[in-house]
Protein backbone atom coordinates (compact mmCIF):
# COMPACT_ATOMS: atom_id res chain seq x y z
CA UNK A 1 0.00 0.00 0.00
CA UNK A 2 1.37 3.37 -1.06
CA UNK A 3 -0.75 5.39 1.39
CA UNK A 4 2.07 6.62 3.65
CA UNK A 5 4.33 7.45 0.74
CA UNK A 6 1.53 9.37 -1.00
CA UNK A 7 0.78 11.41 2.14
CA UNK A 8 4.45 12.31 2.42
CA UNK A 9 4.94 13.17 -1.25
CA UNK A 10 1.75 15.28 -1.28
CA UNK A 11 3.00 17.35 1.67
CA UNK A 12 0.79 16.13 4.51
CA UNK A 13 3.74 14.82 6.56
CA UNK A 14 7.33 16.04 6.94
CA UNK A 15 8.63 12.48 6.71
CA UNK A 16 7.22 9.21 5.47
CA UNK A 17 5.39 7.62 8.39
CA UNK A 18 4.99 3.92 8.96
CA UNK A 19 1.56 2.36 9.56
CA UNK A 20 2.33 1.89 13.26
CA UNK A 21 2.85 5.67 13.50
CA UNK A 22 -0.74 6.37 12.42
CA UNK A 23 -1.47 8.52 15.48
CA UNK A 24 1.29 10.95 14.43
CA UNK A 25 -1.06 12.07 11.67
CA UNK A 26 -3.02 13.91 14.35
CA UNK A 27 -0.01 16.26 14.66
CA UNK A 28 -0.79 17.39 11.10
CA UNK A 29 -4.49 17.89 11.77
CA UNK A 30 -5.39 14.72 9.87
CA UNK A 31 -7.04 11.58 11.12
CA UNK A 32 -7.88 8.20 9.66
CA UNK A 33 -11.03 6.17 9.90
CA UNK A 34 -12.54 3.38 7.84
CA UNK A 35 -15.93 2.88 6.25
CA UNK A 36 -15.79 -0.82 7.09
CA UNK A 37 -13.71 -2.22 9.93
CA UNK A 38 -12.50 -5.35 8.20
CA UNK A 39 -9.63 -5.80 5.79
CA UNK A 40 -10.21 -6.73 2.17
CA UNK A 41 -7.97 -7.02 -0.84
CA UNK A 42 -10.42 -5.15 -3.07
CA UNK A 43 -13.38 -2.87 -2.39
CA UNK A 44 -15.69 -5.13 -4.41
CA UNK A 45 -15.34 -7.69 -1.61
CA UNK A 46 -17.54 -5.46 0.54
CA UNK A 47 -21.29 -5.83 0.44
CA UNK A 48 -23.34 -2.74 -0.42
CA UNK A 49 -25.05 -2.99 2.97
CA UNK A 50 -21.67 -2.96 4.78
CA UNK A 51 -20.66 0.19 2.91
CA UNK A 52 -23.99 1.94 3.51
CA UNK A 53 -23.85 1.09 7.22
CA UNK A 54 -20.25 2.31 7.35
CA UNK A 55 -21.26 5.49 5.52
CA UNK A 56 -23.99 6.14 8.08
CA UNK A 57 -21.57 5.61 10.99
CA UNK A 58 -19.00 7.87 9.34
CA UNK A 59 -21.59 10.57 8.72
CA UNK A 60 -22.54 10.51 12.41
CA UNK A 61 -18.86 10.82 13.37
CA UNK A 62 -18.25 13.68 10.93
CA UNK A 63 -21.35 15.56 12.08
CA UNK A 64 -20.16 15.19 15.67
CA UNK A 65 -16.57 16.37 15.10
CA UNK A 66 -17.09 18.60 12.01
CA UNK A 67 -13.61 18.49 10.48
CA UNK A 68 -13.00 20.95 7.65
CA UNK A 69 -12.67 18.12 5.13
CA UNK A 70 -13.48 14.45 4.80
CA UNK A 71 -11.58 12.51 2.13
CA UNK A 72 -13.03 9.19 1.02
CA UNK A 73 -10.60 6.90 -0.78
CA UNK A 74 -12.04 5.31 -3.90
CA UNK A 75 -14.92 6.28 -6.17
CA UNK A 76 -16.67 2.92 -5.88
CA UNK A 77 -16.61 2.94 -2.08
CA UNK A 78 -17.95 6.50 -2.05
CA UNK A 79 -20.70 5.74 -4.56
CA UNK A 80 -21.87 2.67 -2.70
CA UNK A 81 -21.58 4.08 0.83
CA UNK A 82 -23.30 7.39 0.10
CA UNK A 83 -25.64 6.42 -2.74
CA UNK A 84 -23.99 8.68 -5.30
CA UNK A 85 -24.05 8.14 -9.04
CA UNK A 86 -21.55 10.30 -10.85
CA UNK A 87 -18.31 10.86 -9.01
CA UNK A 88 -15.12 12.58 -10.14
CA UNK A 89 -11.89 12.85 -8.19
CA UNK A 90 -11.59 15.82 -5.88
CA UNK A 91 -14.06 18.10 -4.20
CA UNK A 92 -17.64 16.85 -4.27
CA UNK A 93 -20.78 18.92 -4.38
CA UNK A 94 -21.96 17.65 -1.01
CA UNK A 95 -21.25 18.60 2.58
CA UNK A 96 -21.76 16.79 5.87
CA UNK A 97 -22.80 19.69 8.00
CA UNK A 98 -19.92 22.14 7.47
CA UNK A 99 -17.50 19.44 6.30
CA UNK A 100 -16.45 19.42 2.65
CA UNK A 101 -16.31 15.98 1.05
CA UNK A 102 -13.49 14.97 -1.28
CA UNK A 103 -12.94 11.70 -3.12
CA UNK A 104 -9.34 10.66 -3.70
CA UNK A 105 -7.84 7.64 -5.44
CA UNK A 106 -7.11 4.69 -3.23
CA UNK A 107 -3.31 4.39 -3.12
CA UNK A 108 -3.48 0.61 -3.10
CA UNK A 109 -1.00 -1.09 -5.38
CA UNK A 110 -4.03 -2.52 -7.18
CA UNK A 111 -5.00 0.96 -8.40
CA UNK A 112 -4.08 1.44 -12.07
CA UNK A 113 -3.23 5.10 -11.54
CA UNK A 114 0.45 5.99 -11.37
CA UNK A 115 2.03 7.14 -8.14
CA UNK A 116 2.43 10.63 -9.64
CA UNK A 117 -1.29 10.81 -10.52
CA UNK A 118 -2.32 9.74 -7.04
CA UNK A 119 0.08 12.16 -5.37
CA UNK A 120 -1.27 15.01 -7.52
CA UNK A 121 -4.85 14.28 -6.41
CA UNK A 122 -3.78 14.31 -2.75
CA UNK A 123 -1.70 17.45 -3.28
CA UNK A 124 -4.80 19.26 -4.56
CA UNK A 125 -6.49 18.55 -1.23
CA UNK A 126 -3.35 19.52 0.69
CA UNK A 127 -3.15 22.81 -1.20
CA UNK A 128 -6.84 23.53 -0.58
CA UNK A 129 -6.31 22.95 3.13
CA UNK A 130 -3.29 25.26 3.16
CA UNK A 131 -5.39 27.95 1.48
CA UNK A 132 -8.03 27.63 4.19
CA UNK A 133 -10.70 25.49 2.56
CA UNK A 134 -13.92 27.46 2.51
């Protein structure tokens, strides 16, 4: 999984963190959560009901904490969890309370996008945050 490398290359962290250093992300103002609390190799291994339930739990969490931005990794997961049809990478036209919703490519090695393409998508979010996402 290229997640930690992507976060570093996009500017979110000053050094490339390891998975066991996940809590250090909080120093940057970022946090991590999952739609579904079980590992899978591919998103299509998740049932639609699991994703919808996870989306509802995540919505409750976001409405409670109201971060500036929520980034969902993967178009398919976002579509299925939040009952959306047409999804492009980046800022979405929906909010959860005051929280902007973004969809970013999953950095999994199974993703066909190049590392540079994935980093660029994450950098767009990083830049928006630096400019004080409105």
